[in-house]
Amino acid sequence: KMILPGRPPLSSLTPMEVYNLAYNDYLKGNYDLAAAGFQSFLKQFPESTLTPHALYWLGECFYSKKDFFNAIESFDRVSKNFPKSEKVPTALLKEAYSYLEVGDKTNGRSYLKKVIE
């Protein structure tokens, strides 16, 4: 169980509260804390309507830390596991950027094409 000082244990929170805590950490630039929060959300609430959003923001945390391979994996899970989510186009775009950041122009281009389609 993860208990952070000054915070209630995550297990006592609703999905929305866990998500918002992580999202606020992301907005403040606390990417490690935000990533831990989103990962905990994904473990606790894999079926939530917020799950694709949590996966997307987890990808953004990795992207902000220049951890592009983990970013690619998170963004990829958005489009593969939640193809109808409104987060898919942005996830595909950020996946393309992540591939370009690691010098994989082939995948970068192919994901940019997917965005356009």
Protein backbone atom coordinates (compact mmCIF):
# COMPACT_ATOMS: atom_id res chain seq x y z
CA LYS A 1 0.00 0.00 0.00
CA MET A 2 1.29 3.41 -0.94
CA ILE A 3 0.78 6.08 1.68
CA LEU A 4 2.18 9.50 0.98
CA PRO A 5 2.65 11.97 3.83
CA GLY A 6 -0.33 14.27 4.22
CA ARG A 7 -2.53 12.19 1.93
CA PRO A 8 -5.25 9.68 2.66
CA PRO A 9 -4.43 6.09 1.66
CA LEU A 10 -5.31 5.72 -2.02
CA SER A 11 -7.48 2.68 -1.26
CA SER A 12 -9.96 4.93 0.58
CA LEU A 13 -10.43 7.23 -2.43
CA THR A 14 -12.86 7.12 -5.36
CA PRO A 15 -11.48 6.59 -8.89
CA MET A 16 -12.03 10.29 -9.63
CA GLU A 17 -10.10 11.36 -6.51
CA VAL A 18 -7.13 9.08 -7.27
CA TYR A 19 -7.14 10.31 -10.89
CA ASN A 20 -7.32 13.98 -9.86
CA LEU A 21 -4.48 13.62 -7.35
CA ALA A 22 -2.25 12.17 -10.06
CA TYR A 23 -3.38 14.73 -12.64
CA ASN A 24 -2.68 17.62 -10.26
CA ASP A 25 0.80 16.19 -9.60
CA TYR A 26 1.31 16.10 -13.38
CA LEU A 27 0.21 19.73 -13.75
CA LYS A 28 2.67 20.75 -11.02
CA GLY A 29 5.49 19.00 -12.87
CA ASN A 30 5.83 16.22 -10.26
CA TYR A 31 6.10 13.55 -12.97
CA ASP A 32 7.39 10.72 -10.75
CA LEU A 33 4.59 11.23 -8.25
CA ALA A 34 2.02 11.61 -11.02
CA ALA A 35 3.23 8.43 -12.77
CA ALA A 36 2.99 6.51 -9.49
CA GLY A 37 -0.54 7.87 -9.00
CA PHE A 38 -1.68 6.93 -12.50
CA GLN A 39 -0.10 3.45 -12.18
CA SER A 40 -1.90 2.95 -8.89
CA PHE A 41 -5.15 4.13 -10.51
CA LEU A 42 -4.68 1.63 -13.38
CA LYS A 43 -4.11 -1.23 -10.92
CA GLN A 44 -7.12 -0.33 -8.77
CA PHE A 45 -9.61 0.68 -11.47
CA PRO A 46 -8.77 -1.11 -14.75
CA GLU A 47 -12.41 -0.91 -15.91
CA SER A 48 -13.04 2.78 -15.14
CA THR A 49 -14.20 5.21 -17.83
CA LEU A 50 -11.12 7.21 -16.81
CA THR A 51 -8.73 4.33 -17.55
CA PRO A 52 -7.79 5.45 -21.11
CA HIS A 53 -7.22 8.98 -19.75
CA ALA A 54 -5.00 7.67 -16.95
CA LEU A 55 -2.99 5.64 -19.48
CA TYR A 56 -2.63 8.71 -21.69
CA TRP A 57 -1.42 10.91 -18.82
CA LEU A 58 0.94 8.17 -17.66
CA GLY A 59 2.42 8.35 -21.16
CA GLU A 60 2.70 12.13 -20.81
CA CYS A 61 4.56 11.69 -17.50
CA PHE A 62 7.08 9.40 -19.19
CA TYR A 63 7.30 11.74 -22.19
CA SER A 64 8.00 14.73 -19.93
CA LYS A 65 10.80 12.75 -18.27
CA LYS A 66 12.19 11.84 -21.74
CA ASP A 67 11.48 8.16 -21.01
CA PHE A 68 10.23 7.69 -24.56
CA PHE A 69 10.08 3.88 -24.62
CA ASN A 70 7.70 3.76 -21.65
CA ALA A 71 5.77 6.66 -23.17
CA ILE A 72 5.33 4.68 -26.40
CA GLU A 73 4.06 1.69 -24.44
CA SER A 74 1.48 3.77 -22.53
CA PHE A 75 0.25 5.66 -25.59
CA ASP A 76 0.05 2.38 -27.51
CA ARG A 77 -2.14 0.81 -24.81
CA VAL A 78 -4.61 3.70 -25.20
CA SER A 79 -5.22 3.03 -28.90
CA LYS A 80 -5.06 -0.78 -28.67
CA ASN A 81 -7.15 -1.28 -25.51
CA PHE A 82 -9.56 1.65 -25.93
CA PRO A 83 -9.92 2.20 -29.69
CA LYS A 84 -13.12 4.24 -29.22
CA SER A 85 -11.64 6.60 -26.63
CA GLU A 86 -11.45 10.32 -27.44
CA LYS A 87 -7.81 10.09 -26.24
CA VAL A 88 -6.75 7.91 -29.20
CA PRO A 89 -5.84 10.69 -31.71
CA THR A 90 -3.68 12.54 -29.15
CA ALA A 91 -2.13 9.28 -27.96
CA LEU A 92 -1.22 8.36 -31.56
CA LEU A 93 0.28 11.81 -32.10
CA LYS A 94 2.38 11.63 -28.92
CA GLU A 95 3.39 8.07 -29.83
CA ALA A 96 4.61 9.42 -33.20
CA TYR A 97 6.58 12.18 -31.42
CA SER A 98 8.07 9.60 -29.03
CA TYR A 99 9.23 7.43 -31.94
CA LEU A 100 10.79 10.50 -33.59
CA GLU A 101 12.54 11.40 -30.30
CA VAL A 102 14.25 7.98 -30.23
CA GLY A 103 15.24 8.31 -33.91
CA ASP A 104 12.70 5.81 -35.29
CA LYS A 105 11.51 7.83 -38.28
CA THR A 106 9.70 4.88 -39.89
CA ASN A 107 7.35 4.34 -36.95
CA GLY A 108 7.18 8.09 -36.37
CA ARG A 109 5.86 8.65 -39.90
CA SER A 110 3.52 5.68 -39.76
CA TYR A 111 1.92 6.94 -36.51
CA LEU A 112 1.58 10.45 -37.92
CA LYS A 113 -0.29 8.88 -40.88
CA LYS A 114 -2.61 7.08 -38.44
CA VAL A 115 -3.43 10.41 -36.80
CA ILE A 116 -4.40 11.91 -40.15
CA GLU A 117 -6.53 8.87 -41.07
